Every structure is written in C-alpha cells, then in structure tokens.
N, C-alpha and C. Protein backbone atom coordinates (compact mmCIF):
# COMPACT_ATOMS: atom_id res chain seq x y z
N MET A 1 -21.48 -16.34 4.39
CA MET A 1 -20.19 -16.04 4.65
C MET A 1 -19.06 -16.50 3.52
N GLU A 2 -19.69 -17.39 3.00
CA GLU A 2 -18.39 -18.15 2.05
C GLU A 2 -18.59 -17.27 0.95
N ASP A 3 -19.79 -16.92 0.79
CA ASP A 3 -19.49 -15.74 -0.99
C ASP A 3 -18.84 -14.71 -0.63
N HIS A 4 -18.90 -14.00 0.74
CA HIS A 4 -17.99 -13.25 0.87
C HIS A 4 -16.58 -13.16 0.64
N GLN A 5 -16.00 -14.48 1.30
CA GLN A 5 -14.97 -14.77 1.15
C GLN A 5 -14.64 -15.12 -0.35
N ALA A 6 -15.07 -15.54 -1.29
CA ALA A 6 -15.36 -15.98 -2.52
C ALA A 6 -14.99 -14.63 -3.04
N LYS A 7 -15.59 -13.57 -3.06
CA LYS A 7 -15.46 -12.23 -3.11
C LYS A 7 -14.40 -12.00 -3.11
N ILE A 8 -14.17 -11.74 -1.94
CA ILE A 8 -12.98 -11.02 -1.28
C ILE A 8 -11.71 -11.71 -2.36
N GLU A 9 -11.77 -13.24 -2.10
CA GLU A 9 -10.29 -13.64 -3.12
C GLU A 9 -10.52 -13.42 -4.14
N GLU A 10 -11.55 -13.37 -5.12
CA GLU A 10 -11.92 -13.13 -6.57
C GLU A 10 -11.02 -11.51 -6.98
N PHE A 11 -11.73 -10.90 -5.88
CA PHE A 11 -10.82 -9.53 -6.08
C PHE A 11 -9.48 -9.44 -5.90
N ARG A 12 -9.26 -9.88 -4.69
CA ARG A 12 -7.69 -9.80 -4.54
C ARG A 12 -6.94 -10.51 -5.67
N GLU A 13 -7.38 -11.32 -6.51
CA GLU A 13 -6.70 -12.13 -7.63
C GLU A 13 -6.95 -11.08 -8.85
N LYS A 14 -7.75 -10.17 -9.23
CA LYS A 14 -8.21 -9.02 -10.17
C LYS A 14 -6.81 -8.10 -9.40
N ILE A 15 -7.02 -7.85 -8.42
CA ILE A 15 -5.82 -6.79 -8.17
C ILE A 15 -4.61 -6.91 -8.83
N GLN A 16 -4.11 -8.55 -8.42
CA GLN A 16 -2.86 -9.18 -8.86
C GLN A 16 -2.74 -8.62 -10.26
N GLU A 17 -3.71 -8.98 -11.02
CA GLU A 17 -3.78 -9.46 -12.63
C GLU A 17 -3.42 -8.24 -13.08
N TYR A 18 -3.61 -7.01 -12.45
CA TYR A 18 -3.73 -5.34 -12.95
C TYR A 18 -2.28 -5.09 -12.35
N GLU A 19 -2.23 -5.51 -11.20
CA GLU A 19 -0.15 -5.39 -11.02
C GLU A 19 0.19 -5.84 -11.67
N ASN A 20 0.29 -6.82 -11.94
CA ASN A 20 1.07 -7.81 -12.91
C ASN A 20 1.08 -7.04 -14.40
N VAL A 21 -0.31 -6.46 -14.77
CA VAL A 21 -0.46 -5.60 -16.21
C VAL A 21 0.33 -4.29 -16.06
N LEU A 22 0.29 -3.69 -15.07
CA LEU A 22 1.06 -2.37 -14.79
C LEU A 22 2.32 -2.53 -14.75
N PHE A 23 3.03 -3.80 -14.20
CA PHE A 23 4.15 -3.92 -13.89
C PHE A 23 5.04 -4.36 -15.59
N GLY A 24 4.23 -4.85 -16.01
CA GLY A 24 4.25 -5.06 -17.92
C GLY A 24 4.71 -3.39 -18.54
N ILE A 25 3.49 -2.61 -18.09
CA ILE A 25 3.56 -1.51 -18.54
C ILE A 25 4.78 -0.71 -18.80
N ASN A 26 5.29 -0.76 -17.02
CA ASN A 26 6.62 -0.17 -16.88
C ASN A 26 7.80 -0.83 -17.41
N LEU A 27 7.90 -1.73 -17.53
CA LEU A 27 8.77 -2.70 -18.28
C LEU A 27 8.86 -2.03 -19.62
N PHE A 28 7.74 -2.36 -20.42
CA PHE A 28 7.74 -1.35 -21.85
C PHE A 28 8.15 -0.47 -21.91
N MET A 29 7.56 0.85 -20.71
CA MET A 29 8.25 2.23 -20.96
C MET A 29 9.93 2.12 -20.73
N GLN A 30 10.29 1.30 -19.92
CA GLN A 30 11.70 1.02 -20.04
C GLN A 30 12.43 0.97 -21.24
N GLY A 31 11.73 0.18 -21.96
CA GLY A 31 12.07 -0.42 -23.14
C GLY A 31 11.79 0.60 -24.10
N ILE A 32 10.91 1.51 -23.93
CA ILE A 32 10.96 2.59 -25.23
C ILE A 32 12.54 3.58 -25.23
N SER A 33 12.68 3.91 -24.30
CA SER A 33 14.26 4.63 -24.26
C SER A 33 15.33 3.92 -24.87
N PHE A 34 14.98 2.37 -24.96
CA PHE A 34 16.12 1.60 -25.45
C PHE A 34 15.69 1.13 -27.03
N VAL A 35 14.69 1.35 -27.29
CA VAL A 35 14.12 1.04 -28.60
C VAL A 35 14.04 2.57 -29.42
N TRP A 36 13.81 3.23 -29.07
CA TRP A 36 13.59 5.03 -29.72
C TRP A 36 14.79 5.99 -29.01
N GLY A 37 15.62 5.22 -28.52
CA GLY A 37 16.39 6.71 -27.58
C GLY A 37 17.19 7.46 -28.49
N GLN A 38 17.34 7.01 -30.03
CA GLN A 38 17.73 8.16 -30.96
C GLN A 38 16.89 9.05 -31.49
N ASN A 39 15.69 8.64 -31.38
CA ASN A 39 14.61 9.64 -31.30
C ASN A 39 13.49 9.99 -30.66
N GLU A 40 14.25 10.97 -30.06
CA GLU A 40 13.59 11.40 -28.69
C GLU A 40 11.99 12.14 -28.95
N GLU A 41 11.82 12.48 -29.57
CA GLU A 41 9.87 12.74 -30.28
C GLU A 41 9.24 11.39 -30.43
N ILE A 42 9.86 10.66 -31.01
CA ILE A 42 8.80 9.13 -31.16
C ILE A 42 9.17 8.76 -29.36
N ALA A 43 10.06 8.79 -29.09
CA ALA A 43 9.86 8.14 -27.22
C ALA A 43 9.18 8.89 -26.71
N LYS A 44 9.41 10.14 -26.92
CA LYS A 44 8.19 10.90 -25.89
C LYS A 44 6.73 10.59 -26.05
N LEU A 45 6.60 10.65 -27.29
CA LEU A 45 5.08 10.71 -27.77
C LEU A 45 4.61 8.95 -27.16
N ASN A 46 5.40 8.04 -27.40
CA ASN A 46 5.16 6.73 -27.07
C ASN A 46 5.44 6.56 -25.34
N ARG A 47 6.20 7.32 -24.76
CA ARG A 47 5.89 7.27 -23.18
C ARG A 47 4.59 8.34 -22.80
N GLN A 48 4.11 9.33 -23.41
CA GLN A 48 3.11 10.11 -23.04
C GLN A 48 1.91 9.12 -22.93
N HIS A 49 1.69 8.17 -24.23
CA HIS A 49 0.37 7.49 -24.35
C HIS A 49 0.46 6.06 -23.20
N TYR A 50 1.53 5.83 -22.84
CA TYR A 50 1.39 4.57 -21.85
C TYR A 50 1.42 4.92 -20.43
N GLU A 51 2.18 6.55 -20.15
CA GLU A 51 1.87 7.06 -18.75
C GLU A 51 0.51 7.19 -18.75
N GLU A 52 -0.48 7.54 -19.53
CA GLU A 52 -1.76 8.22 -19.42
C GLU A 52 -2.53 6.43 -18.94
N ALA A 53 -1.98 5.33 -19.51
CA ALA A 53 -2.68 4.42 -19.14
C ALA A 53 -2.16 3.96 -17.59
N ARG A 54 -0.59 4.18 -17.51
CA ARG A 54 -0.33 3.37 -16.24
C ARG A 54 -0.71 4.34 -15.17
N ASP A 55 -1.09 5.39 -15.14
CA ASP A 55 -1.92 6.33 -14.30
C ASP A 55 -3.13 6.02 -13.88
N ARG A 56 -4.03 5.80 -15.11
CA ARG A 56 -5.38 5.22 -14.83
C ARG A 56 -5.02 3.36 -13.72
N MET A 57 -4.04 2.95 -14.53
CA MET A 57 -4.06 1.57 -13.71
C MET A 57 -3.77 1.77 -12.31
N GLU A 58 -2.98 2.58 -12.02
CA GLU A 58 -2.20 3.06 -10.65
C GLU A 58 -3.44 3.74 -9.72
N LYS A 59 -4.45 4.14 -10.46
CA LYS A 59 -5.20 4.83 -9.53
C LYS A 59 -6.37 3.77 -9.17
N ALA A 60 -6.68 2.92 -10.17
CA ALA A 60 -7.74 1.76 -10.03
C ALA A 60 -7.13 0.66 -8.87
N ILE A 61 -5.82 0.33 -8.81
CA ILE A 61 -5.35 -0.40 -8.27
C ILE A 61 -5.26 0.22 -6.83
N SER A 62 -5.31 1.40 -6.32
CA SER A 62 -4.95 2.20 -5.20
C SER A 62 -6.37 2.10 -4.76
N GLU A 63 -7.54 2.50 -5.44
CA GLU A 63 -8.70 2.34 -5.01
C GLU A 63 -9.49 0.72 -4.26
N ALA A 64 -8.91 -0.13 -5.34
CA ALA A 64 -9.09 -1.26 -5.42
C ALA A 64 -8.53 -1.99 -3.89
N LYS A 65 -7.50 -1.55 -3.68
CA LYS A 65 -6.91 -2.15 -2.28
C LYS A 65 -7.35 -1.60 -1.27
N LYS A 66 -8.03 -0.56 -1.15
CA LYS A 66 -8.69 0.06 -0.15
C LYS A 66 -10.01 -0.10 -0.03
N LEU A 67 -10.83 -0.77 -0.84
CA LEU A 67 -11.96 -1.48 -1.27
C LEU A 67 -11.86 -2.80 -0.50
N LEU A 68 -10.79 -3.45 -0.71
CA LEU A 68 -10.45 -4.82 -0.71
C LEU A 68 -10.00 -4.76 1.30
N GLU A 69 -9.40 -3.75 1.49
CA GLU A 69 -8.86 -3.56 3.00
C GLU A 69 -10.34 -3.72 3.75
N GLU A 70 -11.18 -2.77 3.14
CA GLU A 70 -12.48 -2.46 4.01
C GLU A 70 -13.04 -3.99 3.99
N ALA A 71 -13.51 -4.27 2.69
CA ALA A 71 -13.92 -5.65 2.88
C ALA A 71 -13.71 -6.74 3.73
N GLU A 72 -11.90 -6.72 4.23
CA GLU A 72 -11.53 -7.99 5.04
C GLU A 72 -12.36 -7.55 6.16
N HIS A 73 -12.25 -5.99 7.08
CA HIS A 73 -12.50 -6.00 8.10
C HIS A 73 -14.02 -5.54 8.28
N ARG A 74 -14.78 -5.29 7.51
CA ARG A 74 -16.56 -5.49 7.61
C ARG A 74 -17.03 -5.85 6.77
N PRO A 75 -17.84 -6.71 7.38
CA PRO A 75 -19.12 -7.76 6.50
C PRO A 75 -19.62 -6.96 5.58
N ARG A 76 -20.44 -6.10 5.70
CA ARG A 76 -21.24 -5.65 4.65
C ARG A 76 -20.36 -4.79 3.77
N ALA A 77 -19.00 -4.72 3.67
CA ALA A 77 -18.26 -3.78 2.65
C ALA A 77 -18.07 -4.27 1.49
N PRO A 78 -18.38 -5.98 1.04
CA PRO A 78 -18.17 -6.63 0.13
C PRO A 78 -18.86 -6.24 -1.06
N PHE A 79 -20.05 -5.34 -0.85
CA PHE A 79 -20.82 -4.80 -1.84
C PHE A 79 -20.38 -4.24 -2.89
N ALA A 80 -19.19 -3.13 -2.04
CA ALA A 80 -18.92 -2.09 -2.78
C ALA A 80 -17.86 -3.05 -3.62
N LEU A 81 -17.20 -4.05 -3.35
CA LEU A 81 -16.24 -4.97 -4.41
C LEU A 81 -17.12 -5.51 -5.40
N TYR A 82 -18.33 -5.53 -5.93
CA TYR A 82 -19.57 -6.00 -7.04
C TYR A 82 -19.30 -4.48 -7.68
N GLU A 83 -19.64 -3.27 -7.20
CA GLU A 83 -19.89 -2.34 -7.79
C GLU A 83 -18.56 -1.62 -8.52
N PHE A 84 -17.49 -1.78 -8.09
CA PHE A 84 -16.12 -1.25 -8.64
C PHE A 84 -15.75 -1.95 -9.77
N GLN A 85 -15.38 -0.81 -10.87
CA GLN A 85 -15.53 -1.15 -12.18
C GLN A 85 -13.40 -0.72 -12.19
N PHE A 86 -12.80 -2.14 -12.75
CA PHE A 86 -11.57 -1.69 -13.21
C PHE A 86 -11.20 -1.00 -14.42
N PRO A 87 -10.36 -0.52 -14.98
CA PRO A 87 -10.30 0.09 -16.23
C PRO A 87 -10.06 -1.22 -17.17
N PRO A 88 -10.86 -1.02 -18.09
CA PRO A 88 -10.63 -2.35 -19.32
C PRO A 88 -9.33 -2.87 -19.50
N ILE A 89 -9.15 -3.94 -19.89
CA ILE A 89 -7.56 -4.52 -20.39
C ILE A 89 -7.87 -5.25 -21.51
N THR A 90 -9.27 -5.75 -21.69
CA THR A 90 -9.08 -6.77 -23.00
C THR A 90 -10.58 -6.11 -23.80
N GLY A 91 -11.03 -6.72 -24.44
CA GLY A 91 -12.36 -6.23 -25.26
C GLY A 91 -12.11 -5.42 -26.49
N HIS A 92 -11.46 -5.26 -26.75
CA HIS A 92 -11.04 -4.96 -28.19
C HIS A 92 -9.50 -5.11 -28.33
N PRO A 93 -9.24 -5.20 -29.98
CA PRO A 93 -8.14 -6.07 -30.43
C PRO A 93 -6.81 -5.38 -29.76
N MET A 94 -6.42 -3.71 -29.86
CA MET A 94 -5.27 -2.91 -29.43
C MET A 94 -5.44 -3.55 -27.62
N LEU A 95 -6.47 -3.45 -27.12
CA LEU A 95 -6.57 -3.48 -25.48
C LEU A 95 -5.98 -5.10 -25.56
N ASP A 96 -6.59 -6.19 -26.26
CA ASP A 96 -5.95 -7.24 -26.40
C ASP A 96 -4.86 -7.63 -26.24
N GLU A 97 -3.98 -7.28 -27.38
CA GLU A 97 -2.97 -7.13 -28.06
C GLU A 97 -1.71 -6.64 -26.49
N GLY A 98 -1.80 -5.31 -26.23
CA GLY A 98 -1.28 -4.91 -25.55
C GLY A 98 -1.07 -5.66 -24.18
N THR A 99 -2.06 -5.91 -23.93
CA THR A 99 -2.08 -6.67 -22.23
C THR A 99 -1.50 -7.82 -22.41
N LYS A 100 -1.82 -8.69 -23.82
CA LYS A 100 -1.13 -10.17 -23.70
C LYS A 100 0.43 -9.68 -23.49
N ARG A 101 1.15 -8.32 -24.47
CA ARG A 101 2.39 -8.01 -24.36
C ARG A 101 2.86 -7.86 -23.08
N PHE A 102 2.18 -7.28 -22.16
CA PHE A 102 2.54 -6.58 -20.72
C PHE A 102 2.72 -7.48 -19.85
N LYS A 103 1.48 -8.66 -19.85
CA LYS A 103 1.42 -9.92 -19.07
C LYS A 103 2.96 -10.69 -19.45
N ALA A 104 3.33 -10.68 -20.92
CA ALA A 104 4.34 -11.39 -21.22
C ALA A 104 5.89 -11.44 -20.53
N LEU A 105 5.98 -9.66 -20.58
CA LEU A 105 6.99 -8.50 -20.03
C LEU A 105 6.73 -9.33 -18.60
N SER A 106 6.02 -9.24 -17.86
CA SER A 106 5.73 -9.37 -16.52
C SER A 106 6.13 -10.77 -16.03
N GLN A 107 5.37 -11.67 -16.81
CA GLN A 107 5.66 -12.99 -16.61
C GLN A 107 7.30 -13.40 -16.78
N SER A 108 7.87 -12.60 -17.96
CA SER A 108 9.44 -13.11 -18.26
C SER A 108 10.35 -12.83 -17.16
N TYR A 109 9.87 -11.61 -16.63
CA TYR A 109 10.68 -10.77 -15.94
C TYR A 109 10.83 -11.82 -14.72
N ASP A 110 9.78 -12.21 -13.67
CA ASP A 110 9.60 -12.79 -13.00
C ASP A 110 10.45 -14.11 -13.07
N GLU A 111 10.55 -14.88 -14.37
CA GLU A 111 11.08 -15.85 -14.49
C GLU A 111 13.20 -15.59 -14.87
N LEU A 112 13.08 -14.75 -15.57
CA LEU A 112 14.72 -14.12 -15.20
C LEU A 112 14.93 -13.38 -14.43
N PHE A 113 14.66 -12.76 -13.67
CA PHE A 113 14.88 -12.21 -12.59
C PHE A 113 13.76 -12.18 -11.27
N HIS A 114 13.92 -13.12 -10.71
CA HIS A 114 13.05 -13.57 -9.71
C HIS A 114 13.29 -12.85 -8.25
N ASP A 115 14.63 -12.55 -8.01
CA ASP A 115 15.18 -12.58 -6.64
C ASP A 115 15.42 -10.62 -6.83
N ARG A 116 14.99 -10.18 -8.13
CA ARG A 116 15.60 -8.77 -8.31
C ARG A 116 14.48 -8.21 -7.91
N PRO A 117 14.79 -6.66 -7.11
CA PRO A 117 13.81 -5.90 -6.68
C PRO A 117 13.26 -5.33 -8.05
N LYS A 118 11.87 -5.09 -7.80
CA LYS A 118 10.93 -4.74 -9.23
C LYS A 118 10.99 -3.14 -9.52
N ASN A 119 12.08 -2.85 -8.68
CA ASN A 119 12.03 -0.83 -8.87
C ASN A 119 13.22 -0.64 -9.20
N GLU A 120 14.12 -1.77 -9.51
CA GLU A 120 15.35 -1.59 -9.98
C GLU A 120 15.77 -1.68 -12.06
N PRO A 121 16.02 -0.41 -12.11
CA PRO A 121 15.82 -0.24 -13.87
C PRO A 121 16.65 -1.67 -14.16
N LEU A 122 16.48 -2.30 -15.69
CA LEU A 122 17.28 -2.94 -16.44
C LEU A 122 18.00 -2.45 -17.37
N THR A 123 19.22 -2.83 -17.63
CA THR A 123 20.08 -2.68 -18.14
C THR A 123 19.62 -2.81 -19.59
N GLU A 124 20.34 -1.94 -20.89
CA GLU A 124 19.68 -2.50 -22.05
C GLU A 124 19.73 -4.33 -22.64
N GLU A 125 21.16 -4.37 -22.36
CA GLU A 125 21.13 -5.90 -22.14
C GLU A 125 20.22 -6.87 -21.83
N GLU A 126 19.73 -6.00 -20.58
CA GLU A 126 18.76 -7.47 -19.54
C GLU A 126 17.55 -7.00 -20.10
N TYR A 127 17.05 -5.79 -21.03
CA TYR A 127 15.96 -5.53 -21.18
C TYR A 127 15.68 -6.44 -22.92
N MET A 128 16.89 -6.29 -23.38
CA MET A 128 16.82 -7.24 -24.57
C MET A 128 16.20 -8.49 -24.53
N GLN A 129 17.19 -8.92 -23.38
CA GLN A 129 16.67 -10.45 -23.09
C GLN A 129 15.59 -10.59 -22.37
N LEU A 130 14.65 -9.48 -21.99
CA LEU A 130 13.28 -9.89 -21.57
C LEU A 130 12.42 -10.20 -22.64
N TYR A 131 12.95 -8.72 -23.42
CA TYR A 131 12.20 -8.96 -24.91
C TYR A 131 11.85 -9.92 -25.29
N LYS A 132 13.19 -10.32 -25.68
CA LYS A 132 13.00 -11.96 -26.56
C LYS A 132 12.45 -12.89 -25.52
N MET A 133 12.35 -13.14 -24.55
CA MET A 133 11.49 -14.25 -24.17
C MET A 133 10.06 -13.74 -23.85
N ALA A 134 9.75 -12.52 -23.63
CA ALA A 134 8.52 -12.52 -23.97
C ALA A 134 7.82 -12.49 -25.18
N ALA A 135 8.68 -12.20 -26.20
CA ALA A 135 8.46 -12.18 -27.43
C ALA A 135 8.17 -13.70 -28.11
N ASN A 136 8.95 -14.64 -27.34
CA ASN A 136 9.03 -15.92 -27.47
C ASN A 136 7.60 -16.34 -27.19
N LYS A 137 7.07 -15.67 -26.19
CA LYS A 137 6.01 -16.40 -25.15
C LYS A 137 4.49 -16.28 -26.03
N ILE A 138 4.51 -14.75 -26.90
CA ILE A 138 3.57 -14.72 -27.40
C ILE A 138 3.71 -14.75 -28.86
N ASN A 139 4.56 -15.36 -29.44
CA ASN A 139 4.73 -15.50 -31.24
C ASN A 139 5.03 -14.37 -31.89
N LEU A 140 5.67 -13.76 -31.33
CA LEU A 140 6.15 -11.92 -32.40
C LEU A 140 7.30 -12.37 -33.13
C-alpha cells in the first residue's frame, strides 16, 4: 500500500510539473504578441508552433488527472499510472532549453503576481517585468 501511495504522490507531482510548464507556454505565447506584434506573420507562425505543444500538454494533463483520480479511489488503478506516458519536455537540447524558459516564466509569475488569477492577461509592461525576471533566472 505504501508503494501505491508513493506512486500516486509521484504522479501528482509530475502533473504539477507539467501544469507549470504549460502555464509557462501560455505566458510565452502572450509575450509573442508583445515581441512580434509589428510582424503578424512571424507572430502567427510562433503561435502555431506553441499552440501544438500547448494542446499536447493540455491533453496529457487531462488524461493524467483522470488516471490519478481513479488511482486514488481504486486499489488496482495505479498500474495505469506506471504505463502513462507524458509527452517529453526534456531529452533534446531544444526541449531542454524551452522547458527551462517555460519553468522560469511560471516561477517568476508566481513570485511577481502570486495573488493574481492566472487567467488574467498581462499588460506589456507586466510581461516585460516578468520576462526580465525569468531571463535572470536562466542567465539570458
């Protein structure tokens, strides 16, 4: 039973990690408009690229949460947690770099705007403040 609880907790932490990365992707996508707003074509291409990643993350998180709920209520359900595959966020230089940036954005947001609802869009000034803090975290 202890293994059961340990696996559930590990899976819950993995979901939280992916939610943080997803939030970082969403923050990054908000920033695309500020950075590339003058060039709508480049902004559109960047958004399309990150929308695909966001959609994959949202789907994986949703599926993982369903499995977690089942595992918490049914003793045999944790086996599905062992089989579940989250989309990769590390293991390739581009993934590693993107994930590092998304996590820095998410962490910086939590530090700067800890009482603010996460679905409230940032102003350009707030985004630039957030971006600078995240850049300092990853030494850009």
